């Protein structure tokens, strides 16, 4: 069974080059840190809850990218497997905030507060049942149930959806999947949902993949077996999502032209990496992986075609 211990075969052949790329990405992120952290300051009264949630998502996306890219692949351990699931929350922040941005400021803030209050009520009820079952002696905070207030808040979500035409579902917000579809980023949602669900849900495919050994009759399970794969996964896709945050909300976050220029350097270096981690790999399926030359040719062909398409669009625009 041809597998790759600690992702040795998956990672680039030249470890020195791989480490250098990681350091370059980390250096670019560090150059953005000062400007990013200025957006951590928040005025609830003046800015409102939607902006608060936006700033939290932006800071979270950046801090996760910085954290993941500071880890030396040689020092990767089982923690890399467990941290990969954090990408799902960052992706969902991006989708939900993009969807809600279509509302007016007043309605955005109202919807965010309704959702937050309903979440408090729900977690309070679930917490009460859990502790009553497993630790009945432990005091826990329980919110008073106000059935009318709950019903009114759900009806308000229905009303806002109908009034704006953004959703027709009743008594709640659309699912993240539906939001992603509505704002045109369904492919991103589907991919990140799939790859992060692999680490948090029951999944025989990933469970069996975590066992490794030269002989199928003598293998061992351990979350460290694929630690470099999962670390690389978090390093690449944390930057991808952070970049998407910046591109989507550069106006709302008042990102300067200089900031966006530095971000472009980060994006360019990310795109130069010949292979991004896949959810299903050639190696685990015992299939030969395209070599470096083939990957380079394919990437160059794509980039040249993309540049040609952009030039044609600009040319047509200039003639009109």
Foldseek 3Di string as FASTA:
>chain_A
DFFAFLCCVVDDVDLVVVQVLLVVLLVLLVVLVVVLVVLVDDDCVPQADLSNLLNVLLVVLSVLLNVLSVDRSVPFFLVLLVSLLVLLVSVLSLLVSLLLVVDDPVVSRLQSVLVVVVVVQVVLVVVCVVCCVPPVPDDDDHDDDDPVVLVVSQQVVCVVCVVSVSDNDGRHDDDSCSSCVSVVNNVVNVQSCVLSCCSVPDDPVVQVSQWDDPDPVDTDHDSGRHRSLSSLQSNLVSLVSSLSSCVSCCPVSVPDPVSVVSNVVSVVSSLVPLDRRHSDDCRSVVHDDDDPVVSVVVSVVVVVVVVVVVVVVVVVVVVD
